[in-house]
Every structure is written in structure tokens, then in C-alpha cells.
PDB file of all heavy atoms in Angstrom:
ATOM      1  N   GLN A   1     -12.611  -2.832 -24.922  1.00  0.00           N
ATOM      2  CA  GLN A   1     -11.201  -2.645 -24.591  1.00  0.00           C
ATOM      3  C   GLN A   1     -11.119  -1.815 -23.307  1.00  0.00           C
ATOM      4  O   GLN A   1     -11.407  -0.624 -23.305  1.00  0.00           O
ATOM      5  CB  GLN A   1     -10.481  -1.932 -25.735  1.00  0.00           C
ATOM      6  CG  GLN A   1     -10.501  -2.696 -27.050  1.00  0.00           C
ATOM      7  CD  GLN A   1      -9.738  -4.004 -26.957  1.00  0.00           C
ATOM      8  OE1 GLN A   1      -8.709  -4.088 -26.283  1.00  0.00           O
ATOM      9  NE2 GLN A   1     -10.222  -5.033 -27.643  1.00  0.00           N
ATOM     10  N   VAL A   2     -10.753  -2.465 -22.202  1.00  0.00           N
ATOM     11  CA  VAL A   2     -10.630  -1.761 -20.933  1.00  0.00           C
ATOM     12  C   VAL A   2      -9.255  -1.111 -20.878  1.00  0.00           C
ATOM     13  O   VAL A   2      -8.236  -1.798 -20.985  1.00  0.00           O
ATOM     14  CB  VAL A   2     -10.799  -2.736 -19.746  1.00  0.00           C
ATOM     15  CG1 VAL A   2     -10.628  -2.004 -18.428  1.00  0.00           C
ATOM     16  CG2 VAL A   2     -12.163  -3.398 -19.814  1.00  0.00           C
ATOM     17  N   PRO A   3      -9.197   0.204 -20.767  1.00  0.00           N
ATOM     18  CA  PRO A   3      -7.903   0.899 -20.807  1.00  0.00           C
ATOM     19  C   PRO A   3      -7.053   0.556 -19.584  1.00  0.00           C
ATOM     20  O   PRO A   3      -7.581   0.249 -18.514  1.00  0.00           O
ATOM     21  CB  PRO A   3      -8.296   2.383 -20.812  1.00  0.00           C
ATOM     22  CG  PRO A   3      -9.646   2.418 -20.166  1.00  0.00           C
ATOM     23  CD  PRO A   3     -10.317   1.140 -20.560  1.00  0.00           C
ATOM     24  N   PRO A   4      -5.735   0.591 -19.729  1.00  0.00           N
ATOM     25  CA  PRO A   4      -4.859   0.353 -18.574  1.00  0.00           C
ATOM     26  C   PRO A   4      -5.039   1.461 -17.544  1.00  0.00           C
ATOM     27  O   PRO A   4      -5.456   2.576 -17.867  1.00  0.00           O
ATOM     28  CB  PRO A   4      -3.456   0.373 -19.185  1.00  0.00           C
ATOM     29  CG  PRO A   4      -3.598   1.160 -20.441  1.00  0.00           C
ATOM     30  CD  PRO A   4      -4.972   0.864 -20.954  1.00  0.00           C
ATOM     31  N   GLY A   5      -4.736   1.147 -16.308  1.00  0.00           N
ATOM     32  CA  GLY A   5      -4.836   2.148 -15.255  1.00  0.00           C
ATOM     33  C   GLY A   5      -6.212   2.274 -14.639  1.00  0.00           C
ATOM     34  O   GLY A   5      -6.476   3.215 -13.882  1.00  0.00           O
ATOM     35  N   VAL A   6      -7.101   1.332 -14.966  1.00  0.00           N
ATOM     36  CA  VAL A   6      -8.423   1.355 -14.335  1.00  0.00           C
ATOM     37  C   VAL A   6      -8.268   1.181 -12.836  1.00  0.00           C
ATOM     38  O   VAL A   6      -7.512   0.318 -12.368  1.00  0.00           O
ATOM     39  CB  VAL A   6      -9.317   0.239 -14.910  1.00  0.00           C
ATOM     40  CG1 VAL A   6     -10.622   0.135 -14.129  1.00  0.00           C
ATOM     41  CG2 VAL A   6      -9.610   0.508 -16.376  1.00  0.00           C
ATOM     42  N   LYS A   7      -8.955   1.980 -12.044  1.00  0.00           N
ATOM     43  CA  LYS A   7      -8.839   1.922 -10.593  1.00  0.00           C
ATOM     44  C   LYS A   7      -9.778   0.871 -10.028  1.00  0.00           C
ATOM     45  O   LYS A   7     -10.960   0.858 -10.317  1.00  0.00           O
ATOM     46  CB  LYS A   7      -9.162   3.292  -9.988  1.00  0.00           C
ATOM     47  CG  LYS A   7      -9.032   3.319  -8.460  1.00  0.00           C
ATOM     48  CD  LYS A   7      -9.414   4.681  -7.899  1.00  0.00           C
ATOM     49  CE  LYS A   7      -9.313   4.691  -6.371  1.00  0.00           C
ATOM     50  NZ  LYS A   7      -9.742   5.992  -5.801  1.00  0.00           N
ATOM     51  N   TYR A   8      -9.228  -0.026  -9.210  1.00  0.00           N
ATOM     52  CA  TYR A   8     -10.022  -1.023  -8.490  1.00  0.00           C
ATOM     53  C   TYR A   8      -9.921  -0.690  -7.003  1.00  0.00           C
ATOM     54  O   TYR A   8      -8.824  -0.702  -6.431  1.00  0.00           O
ATOM     55  CB  TYR A   8      -9.493  -2.435  -8.751  1.00  0.00           C
ATOM     56  CG  TYR A   8      -9.639  -2.887 -10.187  1.00  0.00           C
ATOM     57  CD1 TYR A   8      -8.612  -2.682 -11.106  1.00  0.00           C
ATOM     58  CD2 TYR A   8     -10.796  -3.511 -10.621  1.00  0.00           C
ATOM     59  CE1 TYR A   8      -8.741  -3.087 -12.429  1.00  0.00           C
ATOM     60  CE2 TYR A   8     -10.933  -3.931 -11.940  1.00  0.00           C
ATOM     61  CZ  TYR A   8      -9.902  -3.714 -12.834  1.00  0.00           C
ATOM     62  OH  TYR A   8     -10.048  -4.122 -14.141  1.00  0.00           O
ATOM     63  N   ASP A   9     -11.036  -0.375  -6.384  1.00  0.00           N
ATOM     64  CA  ASP A   9     -11.043   0.125  -5.008  1.00  0.00           C
ATOM     65  C   ASP A   9     -11.784  -0.856  -4.106  1.00  0.00           C
ATOM     66  O   ASP A   9     -13.017  -0.873  -4.056  1.00  0.00           O
ATOM     67  CB  ASP A   9     -11.705   1.505  -4.980  1.00  0.00           C
ATOM     68  CG  ASP A   9     -11.516   2.222  -3.645  1.00  0.00           C
ATOM     69  OD1 ASP A   9     -11.363   1.535  -2.620  1.00  0.00           O
ATOM     70  OD2 ASP A   9     -11.545   3.466  -3.639  1.00  0.00           O
ATOM     71  N   PHE A  10     -11.041  -1.690  -3.405  1.00  0.00           N
ATOM     72  CA  PHE A  10     -11.639  -2.681  -2.506  1.00  0.00           C
ATOM     73  C   PHE A  10     -12.439  -1.997  -1.400  1.00  0.00           C
ATOM     74  O   PHE A  10     -13.542  -2.444  -1.051  1.00  0.00           O
ATOM     75  CB  PHE A  10     -10.545  -3.565  -1.907  1.00  0.00           C
ATOM     76  CG  PHE A  10     -11.053  -4.571  -0.922  1.00  0.00           C
ATOM     77  CD1 PHE A  10     -11.692  -5.737  -1.344  1.00  0.00           C
ATOM     78  CD2 PHE A  10     -10.883  -4.380   0.444  1.00  0.00           C
ATOM     79  CE1 PHE A  10     -12.161  -6.676  -0.428  1.00  0.00           C
ATOM     80  CE2 PHE A  10     -11.338  -5.310   1.365  1.00  0.00           C
ATOM     81  CZ  PHE A  10     -11.983  -6.462   0.934  1.00  0.00           C
ATOM     82  N   ALA A  11     -11.914  -0.928  -0.850  1.00  0.00           N
ATOM     83  CA  ALA A  11     -12.611  -0.230   0.233  1.00  0.00           C
ATOM     84  C   ALA A  11     -13.976   0.265  -0.229  1.00  0.00           C
ATOM     85  O   ALA A  11     -14.967   0.184   0.504  1.00  0.00           O
ATOM     86  CB  ALA A  11     -11.764   0.935   0.752  1.00  0.00           C
ATOM     87  N   GLU A  12     -14.046   0.761  -1.463  1.00  0.00           N
ATOM     88  CA  GLU A  12     -15.317   1.247  -1.990  1.00  0.00           C
ATOM     89  C   GLU A  12     -16.283   0.096  -2.241  1.00  0.00           C
ATOM     90  O   GLU A  12     -17.499   0.223  -2.024  1.00  0.00           O
ATOM     91  CB  GLU A  12     -15.088   2.039  -3.270  1.00  0.00           C
ATOM     92  CG  GLU A  12     -16.362   2.633  -3.865  1.00  0.00           C
ATOM     93  CD  GLU A  12     -17.110   3.550  -2.921  1.00  0.00           C
ATOM     94  OE1 GLU A  12     -16.459   4.230  -2.102  1.00  0.00           O
ATOM     95  OE2 GLU A  12     -18.374   3.554  -2.982  1.00  0.00           O
ATOM     96  N   ALA A  13     -15.756  -1.040  -2.710  1.00  0.00           N
ATOM     97  CA  ALA A  13     -16.612  -2.214  -2.910  1.00  0.00           C
ATOM     98  C   ALA A  13     -17.234  -2.669  -1.592  1.00  0.00           C
ATOM     99  O   ALA A  13     -18.418  -3.016  -1.538  1.00  0.00           O
ATOM    100  CB  ALA A  13     -15.800  -3.347  -3.535  1.00  0.00           C
ATOM    101  N   MET A  14     -16.452  -2.652  -0.528  1.00  0.00           N
ATOM    102  CA  MET A  14     -16.970  -3.053   0.780  1.00  0.00           C
ATOM    103  C   MET A  14     -17.914  -1.996   1.349  1.00  0.00           C
ATOM    104  O   MET A  14     -18.886  -2.323   2.040  1.00  0.00           O
ATOM    105  CB  MET A  14     -15.809  -3.316   1.732  1.00  0.00           C
ATOM    106  CG  MET A  14     -14.903  -4.473   1.305  1.00  0.00           C
ATOM    107  SD  MET A  14     -15.762  -6.063   1.184  1.00  0.00           S
ATOM    108  CE  MET A  14     -15.769  -6.545   2.900  1.00  0.00           C
ATOM    109  N   ALA A  15     -17.654  -0.740   1.041  1.00  0.00           N
ATOM    110  CA  ALA A  15     -18.562   0.320   1.486  1.00  0.00           C
ATOM    111  C   ALA A  15     -19.923   0.168   0.810  1.00  0.00           C
ATOM    112  O   ALA A  15     -20.968   0.393   1.438  1.00  0.00           O
ATOM    113  CB  ALA A  15     -17.962   1.691   1.181  1.00  0.00           C
ATOM    114  N   ARG A  16     -19.914  -0.206  -0.478  1.00  0.00           N
ATOM    115  CA  ARG A  16     -21.186  -0.460  -1.172  1.00  0.00           C
ATOM    116  C   ARG A  16     -21.964  -1.559  -0.458  1.00  0.00           C
ATOM    117  O   ARG A  16     -23.178  -1.452  -0.263  1.00  0.00           O
ATOM    118  CB  ARG A  16     -20.922  -0.862  -2.619  1.00  0.00           C
ATOM    119  CG  ARG A  16     -22.169  -1.328  -3.369  1.00  0.00           C
ATOM    120  CD  ARG A  16     -21.830  -1.897  -4.737  1.00  0.00           C
ATOM    121  NE  ARG A  16     -23.026  -2.364  -5.424  1.00  0.00           N
ATOM    122  CZ  ARG A  16     -23.553  -3.576  -5.276  1.00  0.00           C
ATOM    123  NH1 ARG A  16     -22.982  -4.457  -4.449  1.00  0.00           N
ATOM    124  NH2 ARG A  16     -24.639  -3.923  -5.936  1.00  0.00           N
ATOM    125  N   MET A  17     -21.267  -2.632  -0.089  1.00  0.00           N
ATOM    126  CA  MET A  17     -21.932  -3.725   0.621  1.00  0.00           C
ATOM    127  C   MET A  17     -22.553  -3.216   1.919  1.00  0.00           C
ATOM    128  O   MET A  17     -23.710  -3.518   2.234  1.00  0.00           O
ATOM    129  CB  MET A  17     -20.914  -4.841   0.914  1.00  0.00           C
ATOM    130  CG  MET A  17     -21.447  -5.981   1.770  1.00  0.00           C
ATOM    131  SD  MET A  17     -21.276  -5.673   3.563  1.00  0.00           S
ATOM    132  CE  MET A  17     -19.509  -5.731   3.748  1.00  0.00           C
ATOM    133  N   ARG A  18     -21.808  -2.431   2.681  1.00  0.00           N
ATOM    134  CA  ARG A  18     -22.333  -1.927   3.963  1.00  0.00           C
ATOM    135  C   ARG A  18     -23.514  -0.989   3.740  1.00  0.00           C
ATOM    136  O   ARG A  18     -24.478  -0.996   4.523  1.00  0.00           O
ATOM    137  CB  ARG A  18     -21.222  -1.225   4.746  1.00  0.00           C
ATOM    138  CG  ARG A  18     -20.084  -2.147   5.171  1.00  0.00           C
ATOM    139  CD  ARG A  18     -19.186  -1.483   6.208  1.00  0.00           C
ATOM    140  NE  ARG A  18     -18.599  -0.239   5.750  1.00  0.00           N
ATOM    141  CZ  ARG A  18     -17.493  -0.141   5.023  1.00  0.00           C
ATOM    142  NH1 ARG A  18     -16.841  -1.233   4.643  1.00  0.00           N
ATOM    143  NH2 ARG A  18     -17.022   1.045   4.658  1.00  0.00           N
ATOM    144  N   ARG A  19     -23.442  -0.189   2.686  1.00  0.00           N
ATOM    145  CA  ARG A  19     -24.542   0.731   2.385  1.00  0.00           C
ATOM    146  C   ARG A  19     -25.825  -0.030   2.074  1.00  0.00           C
ATOM    147  O   ARG A  19     -26.904   0.297   2.574  1.00  0.00           O
ATOM    148  CB  ARG A  19     -24.161   1.622   1.199  1.00  0.00           C
ATOM    149  CG  ARG A  19     -25.250   2.641   0.844  1.00  0.00           C
ATOM    150  CD  ARG A  19     -24.831   3.540  -0.295  1.00  0.00           C
ATOM    151  NE  ARG A  19     -24.842   2.866  -1.586  1.00  0.00           N
ATOM    152  CZ  ARG A  19     -23.760   2.543  -2.280  1.00  0.00           C
ATOM    153  NH1 ARG A  19     -22.547   2.822  -1.817  1.00  0.00           N
ATOM    154  NH2 ARG A  19     -23.865   1.935  -3.453  1.00  0.00           N
ATOM    155  N   LEU A  20     -25.708  -1.096   1.271  1.00  0.00           N
ATOM    156  CA  LEU A  20     -26.891  -1.870   0.905  1.00  0.00           C
ATOM    157  C   LEU A  20     -27.408  -2.693   2.075  1.00  0.00           C
ATOM    158  O   LEU A  20     -28.617  -2.872   2.228  1.00  0.00           O
ATOM    159  CB  LEU A  20     -26.563  -2.767  -0.289  1.00  0.00           C
ATOM    160  CG  LEU A  20     -26.180  -2.021  -1.575  1.00  0.00           C
ATOM    161  CD1 LEU A  20     -25.869  -3.005  -2.679  1.00  0.00           C
ATOM    162  CD2 LEU A  20     -27.283  -1.064  -1.995  1.00  0.00           C
ATOM    163  N   ARG A  21     -26.504  -3.190   2.905  1.00  0.00           N
ATOM    164  CA  ARG A  21     -26.933  -3.917   4.109  1.00  0.00           C
ATOM    165  C   ARG A  21     -27.734  -2.990   5.022  1.00  0.00           C
ATOM    166  O   ARG A  21     -28.775  -3.379   5.564  1.00  0.00           O
ATOM    167  CB  ARG A  21     -25.716  -4.478   4.843  1.00  0.00           C
ATOM    168  CG  ARG A  21     -26.053  -5.202   6.132  1.00  0.00           C
ATOM    169  CD  ARG A  21     -24.824  -5.860   6.740  1.00  0.00           C
ATOM    170  NE  ARG A  21     -23.776  -4.895   7.036  1.00  0.00           N
ATOM    171  CZ  ARG A  21     -22.576  -5.215   7.519  1.00  0.00           C
ATOM    172  NH1 ARG A  21     -22.264  -6.489   7.729  1.00  0.00           N
ATOM    173  NH2 ARG A  21     -21.672  -4.284   7.771  1.00  0.00           N
ATOM    174  N   ALA A  22     -27.261  -1.760   5.183  1.00  0.00           N
ATOM    175  CA  ALA A  22     -27.986  -0.795   6.004  1.00  0.00           C
ATOM    176  C   ALA A  22     -29.351  -0.474   5.399  1.00  0.00           C
ATOM    177  O   ALA A  22     -30.351  -0.310   6.119  1.00  0.00           O
ATOM    178  CB  ALA A  22     -27.162   0.485   6.153  1.00  0.00           C
ATOM    179  N   ARG A  23     -29.391  -0.409   4.072  1.00  0.00           N
ATOM    180  CA  ARG A  23     -30.666  -0.125   3.381  1.00  0.00           C
ATOM    181  C   ARG A  23     -31.689  -1.239   3.604  1.00  0.00           C
ATOM    182  O   ARG A  23     -32.893  -0.989   3.719  1.00  0.00           O
ATOM    183  CB  ARG A  23     -30.388   0.055   1.887  1.00  0.00           C
ATOM    184  CG  ARG A  23     -31.609   0.259   1.034  1.00  0.00           C
ATOM    185  CD  ARG A  23     -31.199   0.423  -0.422  1.00  0.00           C
ATOM    186  NE  ARG A  23     -32.343   0.375  -1.325  1.00  0.00           N
ATOM    187  CZ  ARG A  23     -32.258   0.426  -2.644  1.00  0.00           C
ATOM    188  NH1 ARG A  23     -31.074   0.554  -3.215  1.00  0.00           N
ATOM    189  NH2 ARG A  23     -33.322   0.367  -3.390  1.00  0.00           N
ATOM    190  N   ILE A  24     -31.222  -2.469   3.667  1.00  0.00           N
ATOM    191  CA  ILE A  24     -32.114  -3.614   3.872  1.00  0.00           C
ATOM    192  C   ILE A  24     -32.523  -3.767   5.335  1.00  0.00           C
ATOM    193  O   ILE A  24     -33.600  -4.296   5.644  1.00  0.00           O
ATOM    194  CB  ILE A  24     -31.404  -4.895   3.374  1.00  0.00           C
ATOM    195  CG1 ILE A  24     -31.234  -4.853   1.853  1.00  0.00           C
ATOM    196  CG2 ILE A  24     -32.154  -6.162   3.776  1.00  0.00           C
ATOM    197  CD1 ILE A  24     -30.328  -5.944   1.301  1.00  0.00           C
ATOM    198  N   SER A  25     -31.696  -3.275   6.253  1.00  0.00           N
ATOM    199  CA  SER A  25     -31.875  -3.558   7.684  1.00  0.00           C
ATOM    200  C   SER A  25     -33.204  -3.120   8.305  1.00  0.00           C
ATOM    201  O   SER A  25     -33.630  -3.740   9.289  1.00  0.00           O
ATOM    202  CB  SER A  25     -30.711  -2.964   8.483  1.00  0.00           C
ATOM    203  OG  SER A  25     -30.703  -1.551   8.427  1.00  0.00           O
ATOM    204  N   PRO A  26     -33.914  -2.096   7.805  1.00  0.00           N
ATOM    205  CA  PRO A  26     -35.205  -1.771   8.426  1.00  0.00           C
ATOM    206  C   PRO A  26     -36.192  -2.932   8.422  1.00  0.00           C
ATOM    207  O   PRO A  26     -37.073  -3.003   9.289  1.00  0.00           O
ATOM    208  CB  PRO A  26     -35.718  -0.597   7.587  1.00  0.00           C
ATOM    209  CG  PRO A  26     -34.476   0.068   7.080  1.00  0.00           C
ATOM    210  CD  PRO A  26     -33.527  -1.055   6.818  1.00  0.00           C
ATOM    211  N   ASN A  27     -36.050  -3.855   7.464  1.00  0.00           N
ATOM    212  CA  ASN A  27     -36.960  -5.005   7.427  1.00  0.00           C
ATOM    213  C   ASN A  27     -36.861  -5.859   8.687  1.00  0.00           C
ATOM    214  O   ASN A  27     -37.830  -6.511   9.078  1.00  0.00           O
ATOM    215  CB  ASN A  27     -36.647  -5.885   6.209  1.00  0.00           C
ATOM    216  CG  ASN A  27     -36.922  -5.180   4.899  1.00  0.00           C
ATOM    217  OD1 ASN A  27     -37.821  -4.356   4.796  1.00  0.00           O
ATOM    218  ND2 ASN A  27     -36.130  -5.485   3.879  1.00  0.00           N
ATOM    219  N   ASP A  28     -35.681  -5.872   9.307  1.00  0.00           N
ATOM    220  CA  ASP A  28     -35.455  -6.705  10.487  1.00  0.00           C
ATOM    221  C   ASP A  28     -35.337  -5.878  11.759  1.00  0.00           C
ATOM    222  O   ASP A  28     -34.877  -6.375  12.790  1.00  0.00           O
ATOM    223  CB  ASP A  28     -34.163  -7.521  10.308  1.00  0.00           C
ATOM    224  CG  ASP A  28     -34.242  -8.504   9.161  1.00  0.00           C
ATOM    225  OD1 ASP A  28     -35.344  -8.726   8.633  1.00  0.00           O
ATOM    226  OD2 ASP A  28     -33.188  -9.054   8.778  1.00  0.00           O
ATOM    227  N   SER A  29     -35.749  -4.642  11.711  1.00  0.00           N
ATOM    228  CA  SER A  29     -35.468  -3.722  12.809  1.00  0.00           C
ATOM    229  C   SER A  29     -36.374  -3.929  14.011  1.00  0.00           C
ATOM    230  O   SER A  29     -37.493  -4.426  13.909  1.00  0.00           O
ATOM    231  CB  SER A  29     -35.612  -2.270  12.326  1.00  0.00           C
ATOM    232  OG  SER A  29     -36.971  -1.990  12.003  1.00  0.00           O
ATOM    233  N   ALA A  30     -35.866  -3.500  15.159  1.00  0.00           N
ATOM    234  CA  ALA A  30     -36.634  -3.596  16.404  1.00  0.00           C
ATOM    235  C   ALA A  30     -37.917  -2.775  16.320  1.00  0.00           C
ATOM    236  O   ALA A  30     -38.984  -3.228  16.754  1.00  0.00           O
ATOM    237  CB  ALA A  30     -35.769  -3.108  17.570  1.00  0.00           C
TER     238      ALA A  30
END
């Protein structure tokens, strides 16, 4: 049972994506 008022944060979801992309990026680095 998911309680009402759960916060959904699009900005945080996109920040997670950017954080993980940066974490992977050394594999392709100059």
C-alpha cells in the first residue's frame, strides 16, 4: 500500500542518470 503524498522528483531522476553516466565515462575517456 503506497501512501498518498509520495514525492516524485523528475529532477532527481535525471540527476541520477547524469551521475551514473559520469561514473561510466572513464571507460571512454581521453
